[in-house]
């Protein structure tokens, strides 16, 4: 009985710590967001600046929302797996196992057995990207709409790509650009363009969805005033046309498109890392060393 109460209490704490970070950034937005009339499409709000040696460090809405998502996702994972090692079988444990198996099979199919340990990293990318985009459902600025945030992810992936390309040594890495020799300049440009394309693809798709949703909502509000403005009292200003239609757009742009872009970013991460790894040369190097 005591163990059961303790288990439920820990579950409640995990759920609480999942919710608190999101509530905190919602309240911060409510109390700090400047009032605006009409349409407003802006970047992430800057809360304060920190003087650094080379330039100022801006603490923005995107950064705080990213941390809120990371904390919430961490406690979500703890909640989903709580008690799984103690032999307690719950429905959420089955769900967590299904997700883990699907991720492992996806990583194995796209990266090979050598990269089987990448499943947690790919899961982190998927969850962080998807939940960051889904913040728009609660009126928060999605970190995936900030190029700085997505570029940071792309740079991290680029470092991993370069690391695995260096597995056979710097000579093999440099020679890979001259295959064939006439394509060396384009190969170098392609190498640099990898993180740039990953960042702009993810950022552009999420941001464009947010902009389109805002423009359509504002257009429907104006059209509603034109059509129903003759009605007396508050009915003339009530946005009748904004009922339902923005919600349908939100299903596509906020939910479907956000999750799709998370999946695409994760797939590109797997393909770029595994595709850049010279597996055959690395195998020969290991066998030669033995």
Protein backbone atom coordinates (compact mmCIF):
# COMPACT_ATOMS: atom_id res chain seq x y z
CA UNK A 1 0.00 0.00 0.00
CA UNK A 2 2.79 2.41 0.95
CA UNK A 3 4.73 1.43 -2.17
CA UNK A 4 1.63 2.05 -4.30
CA UNK A 5 1.16 5.53 -2.79
CA UNK A 6 4.81 6.33 -3.31
CA UNK A 7 4.57 5.18 -6.95
CA UNK A 8 1.51 7.36 -7.57
CA UNK A 9 3.16 10.32 -5.81
CA UNK A 10 6.22 10.08 -8.06
CA UNK A 11 3.93 9.79 -11.10
CA UNK A 12 2.14 12.95 -9.98
CA UNK A 13 5.47 14.78 -9.60
CA UNK A 14 6.55 13.75 -13.10
CA UNK A 15 3.27 15.02 -14.55
CA UNK A 16 3.57 18.24 -12.55
CA UNK A 17 7.10 18.89 -13.80
CA UNK A 18 5.90 18.21 -17.34
CA UNK A 19 3.29 20.93 -17.05
CA UNK A 20 5.11 23.58 -14.96
CA UNK A 21 7.72 24.62 -17.60
CA UNK A 22 5.03 25.18 -20.26
CA UNK A 23 2.81 27.08 -17.82
CA UNK A 24 5.80 29.21 -16.80
CA UNK A 25 6.57 30.35 -20.35
CA UNK A 26 2.85 30.94 -21.01
CA UNK A 27 2.63 33.22 -17.97
CA UNK A 28 5.87 34.93 -18.97
CA UNK A 29 4.43 35.64 -22.40
CA UNK A 30 1.18 36.97 -20.93
CA UNK A 31 2.95 39.43 -18.61
CA UNK A 32 5.72 40.53 -20.97
CA UNK A 33 4.22 40.48 -24.47
CA UNK A 34 3.58 44.02 -25.78
CA UNK A 35 0.03 44.83 -26.80
CA UNK A 36 -0.58 45.14 -30.53
CA UNK A 37 -3.50 46.04 -32.75
CA UNK A 38 -4.26 44.06 -35.87
CA UNK A 39 -1.86 41.69 -37.55
CA UNK A 40 1.53 41.06 -35.94
CA UNK A 41 4.26 38.84 -37.41
CA UNK A 42 7.50 39.21 -35.51
CA UNK A 43 10.46 37.11 -34.46
CA UNK A 44 11.21 35.80 -31.02
CA UNK A 45 10.84 38.39 -28.26
CA UNK A 46 14.11 39.41 -26.54
CA UNK A 47 13.83 39.35 -22.75
CA UNK A 48 17.29 40.65 -21.79
CA UNK A 49 20.89 40.87 -22.97
CA UNK A 50 24.15 39.61 -21.47
CA UNK A 51 27.41 41.38 -22.32
CA UNK A 52 29.93 38.94 -23.76
CA UNK A 53 33.55 39.48 -24.97
CA UNK A 54 32.73 39.54 -28.71
CA UNK A 55 29.05 40.40 -28.85
CA UNK A 56 25.94 40.52 -26.71
CA UNK A 57 24.12 37.32 -25.84
CA UNK A 58 20.38 37.75 -26.32
CA UNK A 59 18.07 35.65 -24.16
CA UNK A 60 14.99 35.25 -26.32
CA UNK A 61 11.59 33.67 -26.23
CA UNK A 62 12.82 30.87 -28.50
CA UNK A 63 15.60 29.90 -26.08
CA UNK A 64 13.33 29.82 -23.01
CA UNK A 65 10.67 27.88 -24.90
CA UNK A 66 13.33 25.39 -26.03
CA UNK A 67 14.38 24.81 -22.43
CA UNK A 68 10.74 24.43 -21.40
CA UNK A 69 10.24 21.77 -24.07
CA UNK A 70 13.44 19.94 -23.08
CA UNK A 71 12.44 19.85 -19.41
CA UNK A 72 8.89 18.74 -20.22
CA UNK A 73 10.09 16.02 -22.62
CA UNK A 74 12.60 14.77 -20.03
CA UNK A 75 9.90 14.32 -17.39
CA UNK A 76 7.56 12.83 -20.00
CA UNK A 77 10.16 10.13 -20.68
CA UNK A 78 10.63 9.57 -16.94
CA UNK A 79 6.86 9.26 -16.53
CA UNK A 80 6.52 6.85 -19.47
CA UNK A 81 9.26 4.55 -18.11
CA UNK A 82 8.60 4.91 -14.37
CA UNK A 83 8.44 1.49 -12.77
CA UNK A 84 9.35 -0.44 -15.90
CA UNK A 85 12.49 -1.90 -14.30
CA UNK A 86 10.68 -2.90 -11.13
CA UNK A 87 8.47 -5.32 -13.05
CA UNK A 88 5.36 -3.12 -12.93
CA UNK A 89 3.50 -3.49 -16.24
CA UNK A 90 1.34 -0.55 -17.24
CA UNK A 91 -0.24 0.51 -20.54
CA UNK A 92 2.21 3.37 -20.92
CA UNK A 93 5.11 0.92 -20.61
CA UNK A 94 3.79 -1.01 -23.61
CA UNK A 95 3.44 2.26 -25.51
CA UNK A 96 7.01 3.26 -24.59
CA UNK A 97 8.31 -0.14 -25.71
CA UNK A 98 6.50 0.16 -29.05
CA UNK A 99 8.04 3.59 -29.64
CA UNK A 100 11.51 2.34 -28.71
CA UNK A 101 11.19 -0.69 -31.01
CA UNK A 102 9.97 1.44 -33.92
CA UNK A 103 12.84 3.89 -33.45
CA UNK A 104 15.40 1.11 -33.26
CA UNK A 105 14.07 -0.51 -36.42
CA UNK A 106 14.02 2.86 -38.21
CA UNK A 107 17.62 3.59 -37.22
CA UNK A 108 18.71 0.07 -38.21
CA UNK A 109 16.99 0.37 -41.60
CA UNK A 110 18.43 3.79 -42.42
CA UNK A 111 21.83 3.72 -40.69
CA UNK A 112 22.79 0.08 -40.28
CA UNK A 113 23.73 -1.96 -37.24
CA UNK A 114 26.91 0.06 -36.62
CA UNK A 115 24.75 3.06 -35.64
CA UNK A 116 22.26 1.11 -33.50
CA UNK A 117 23.23 3.25 -30.50
CA UNK A 118 21.87 6.35 -32.26
CA UNK A 119 18.25 5.56 -31.35
CA UNK A 120 18.16 7.87 -28.26
CA UNK A 121 19.72 10.72 -30.25
CA UNK A 122 17.19 10.37 -33.08
CA UNK A 123 14.37 10.13 -30.53
CA UNK A 124 15.58 13.35 -28.91
CA UNK A 125 15.58 15.13 -32.29
CA UNK A 126 12.07 13.92 -33.09
CA UNK A 127 10.60 14.84 -29.71
CA UNK A 128 12.34 18.20 -29.39
CA UNK A 129 11.44 19.28 -32.91
CA UNK A 130 7.84 18.03 -32.83
CA UNK A 131 6.99 19.43 -29.39
CA UNK A 132 8.70 22.74 -30.21
CA UNK A 133 6.45 23.14 -33.26
CA UNK A 134 3.37 22.09 -31.28
CA UNK A 135 3.86 25.00 -28.86
CA UNK A 136 1.81 27.12 -31.26
CA UNK A 137 -1.26 25.19 -30.09
CA UNK A 138 -0.99 26.94 -26.71
CA UNK A 139 -0.14 30.35 -28.20
CA UNK A 140 3.64 30.19 -27.69
CA UNK A 141 6.40 31.05 -30.12
CA UNK A 142 7.75 27.79 -31.60
CA UNK A 143 11.56 27.55 -31.33
CA UNK A 144 11.57 25.85 -34.73
CA UNK A 145 10.52 29.24 -36.19
CA UNK A 146 13.83 30.72 -35.01
CA UNK A 147 16.70 30.12 -37.43
CA UNK A 148 19.26 30.35 -34.60
CA UNK A 149 17.75 27.36 -32.81
CA UNK A 150 17.40 25.13 -35.86
CA UNK A 151 20.86 26.16 -37.12
CA UNK A 152 22.29 25.01 -33.79
CA UNK A 153 20.75 21.57 -34.33
CA UNK A 154 22.08 21.47 -37.91
CA UNK A 155 25.60 22.40 -36.76
CA UNK A 156 25.52 19.62 -34.16
CA UNK A 157 24.51 17.13 -36.87
CA UNK A 158 27.25 18.50 -39.16
CA UNK A 159 29.85 17.91 -36.41
CA UNK A 160 28.67 14.29 -36.15
CA UNK A 161 28.81 13.88 -39.93
CA UNK A 162 32.38 15.19 -40.02
CA UNK A 163 33.38 13.05 -37.04
CA UNK A 164 32.30 9.84 -38.74
CA UNK A 165 33.87 10.89 -42.04
CA UNK A 166 37.14 11.27 -40.13
CA UNK A 167 36.95 7.69 -38.82
CA UNK A 168 39.41 6.54 -41.49
CA UNK A 169 41.75 9.48 -40.97
CA UNK A 170 42.13 12.98 -42.43
CA UNK A 171 43.75 11.73 -45.66
CA UNK A 172 40.71 9.64 -46.61
CA UNK A 173 38.45 12.56 -45.66
CA UNK A 174 40.31 15.00 -47.93
CA UNK A 175 40.45 12.46 -50.79
CA UNK A 176 36.67 12.06 -50.64
CA UNK A 177 36.28 15.60 -52.00
CA UNK A 178 38.32 14.70 -55.11
CA UNK A 179 36.10 11.82 -56.24
CA UNK A 180 36.08 12.58 -59.13
CA UNK A 181 38.78 15.29 -59.15
CA UNK A 182 36.85 17.70 -61.40
CA UNK A 183 33.97 17.71 -58.90
CA UNK A 184 36.15 18.77 -55.94
CA UNK A 185 34.86 22.40 -55.80
CA UNK A 186 31.24 21.26 -55.93
CA UNK A 187 31.88 18.56 -53.33
CA UNK A 188 33.35 21.16 -50.96
CA UNK A 189 30.37 23.47 -51.51
CA UNK A 190 28.01 20.54 -50.96
CA UNK A 191 29.73 19.72 -47.66
CA UNK A 192 29.27 23.27 -46.36
CA UNK A 193 25.72 23.47 -47.73
CA UNK A 194 24.55 20.42 -45.75
CA UNK A 195 23.87 22.17 -42.39
CA UNK A 196 22.63 25.28 -44.21
CA UNK A 197 20.02 23.33 -46.19
CA UNK A 198 18.93 21.35 -43.13
CA UNK A 199 18.45 24.50 -41.07
CA UNK A 200 16.65 26.55 -43.71
CA UNK A 201 14.38 23.66 -44.77
CA UNK A 202 13.12 23.07 -41.24
CA UNK A 203 12.96 26.74 -40.27
CA UNK A 204 11.33 27.86 -43.53
CA UNK A 205 8.57 25.26 -43.50
CA UNK A 206 7.58 25.89 -39.88
CA UNK A 207 7.77 29.69 -40.17
CA UNK A 208 5.80 29.77 -43.43
CA UNK A 209 3.01 27.77 -41.80
CA UNK A 210 2.83 30.23 -38.90
CA UNK A 211 2.79 33.23 -41.24
CA UNK A 212 0.07 31.73 -43.46
CA UNK A 213 -2.08 30.91 -40.43
CA UNK A 214 -1.80 34.48 -39.10
CA UNK A 215 -2.55 36.03 -42.51
CA UNK A 216 -5.59 33.82 -43.08
CA UNK A 217 -6.93 34.49 -39.56
CA UNK A 218 -6.54 38.25 -40.05
CA UNK A 219 -8.15 38.06 -43.49
CA UNK A 220 -11.12 36.13 -42.11
CA UNK A 221 -11.51 38.70 -39.33
CA UNK A 222 -11.60 41.57 -41.83
CA UNK A 223 -13.97 39.68 -44.13
CA UNK A 224 -16.26 38.91 -41.20
CA UNK A 225 -16.50 42.62 -40.37
CA UNK A 226 -17.33 43.43 -43.99
CA UNK A 227 -20.12 40.83 -44.19
CA UNK A 228 -21.61 41.00 -40.68
CA UNK A 229 -20.68 44.57 -39.74
CA UNK A 230 -24.29 45.70 -40.13
CA UNK A 231 -25.39 43.60 -37.15
CA UNK A 232 -26.12 45.56 -33.96
CA UNK A 233 -23.86 45.67 -30.91
CA UNK A 234 -21.05 43.21 -30.39
CA UNK A 235 -22.41 40.96 -33.15
CA UNK A 236 -21.07 43.37 -35.76
CA UNK A 237 -17.52 42.95 -34.43
CA UNK A 238 -17.74 39.24 -33.70
CA UNK A 239 -15.40 37.28 -36.06
CA UNK A 240 -17.91 34.66 -37.24
CA UNK A 241 -15.67 33.48 -40.09
CA UNK A 242 -12.81 32.78 -37.69
CA UNK A 243 -14.79 29.96 -36.11
CA UNK A 244 -13.58 26.59 -37.34
CA UNK A 245 -11.47 27.56 -40.37
CA UNK A 246 -8.28 28.54 -38.44
CA UNK A 247 -8.63 25.32 -36.45
CA UNK A 248 -8.54 23.29 -39.68
CA UNK A 249 -5.43 25.18 -40.78
CA UNK A 250 -3.89 24.57 -37.37
CA UNK A 251 -4.36 20.82 -37.80
CA UNK A 252 -2.23 20.96 -40.94
CA UNK A 253 0.36 23.66 -40.23
CA UNK A 254 0.80 23.18 -36.47
CA UNK A 255 0.28 19.44 -36.04
CA UNK A 256 0.81 17.61 -39.35
CA UNK A 257 3.46 19.90 -40.85
CA UNK A 258 5.32 20.32 -37.54
CA UNK A 259 5.53 16.56 -36.96
CA UNK A 260 6.40 15.98 -40.62
CA UNK A 261 9.31 18.43 -40.48
CA UNK A 262 10.58 16.74 -37.31
CA UNK A 263 10.51 13.39 -39.12
CA UNK A 264 12.28 14.84 -42.18
CA UNK A 265 15.00 16.43 -40.04
CA UNK A 266 15.55 13.13 -38.22
CA UNK A 267 15.65 11.20 -41.51
CA UNK A 268 18.18 13.61 -43.02
CA UNK A 269 20.28 13.31 -39.87
CA UNK A 270 20.36 9.53 -40.20
CA UNK A 271 21.05 9.53 -43.93
CA UNK A 272 23.78 12.18 -43.83
CA UNK A 273 25.64 10.57 -40.92
CA UNK A 274 25.46 7.01 -42.22
CA UNK A 275 26.02 8.08 -45.84
CA UNK A 276 29.18 9.99 -44.98
CA UNK A 277 30.67 7.13 -42.97
CA UNK A 278 33.15 5.08 -45.09
CA UNK A 279 32.06 1.73 -43.67
CA UNK A 280 34.09 -0.49 -46.01
CA UNK A 281 37.31 1.50 -45.57
CA UNK A 282 36.80 1.59 -41.82
CA UNK A 283 36.30 -2.19 -41.75
CA UNK A 284 39.51 -2.70 -43.72
CA UNK A 285 41.34 -0.33 -41.37
CA UNK A 286 40.20 -2.31 -38.32
CA UNK A 287 41.11 -5.64 -39.89
CA UNK A 288 44.49 -4.27 -40.93
CA UNK A 289 45.13 -3.04 -37.41
CA UNK A 290 44.33 -6.47 -35.99
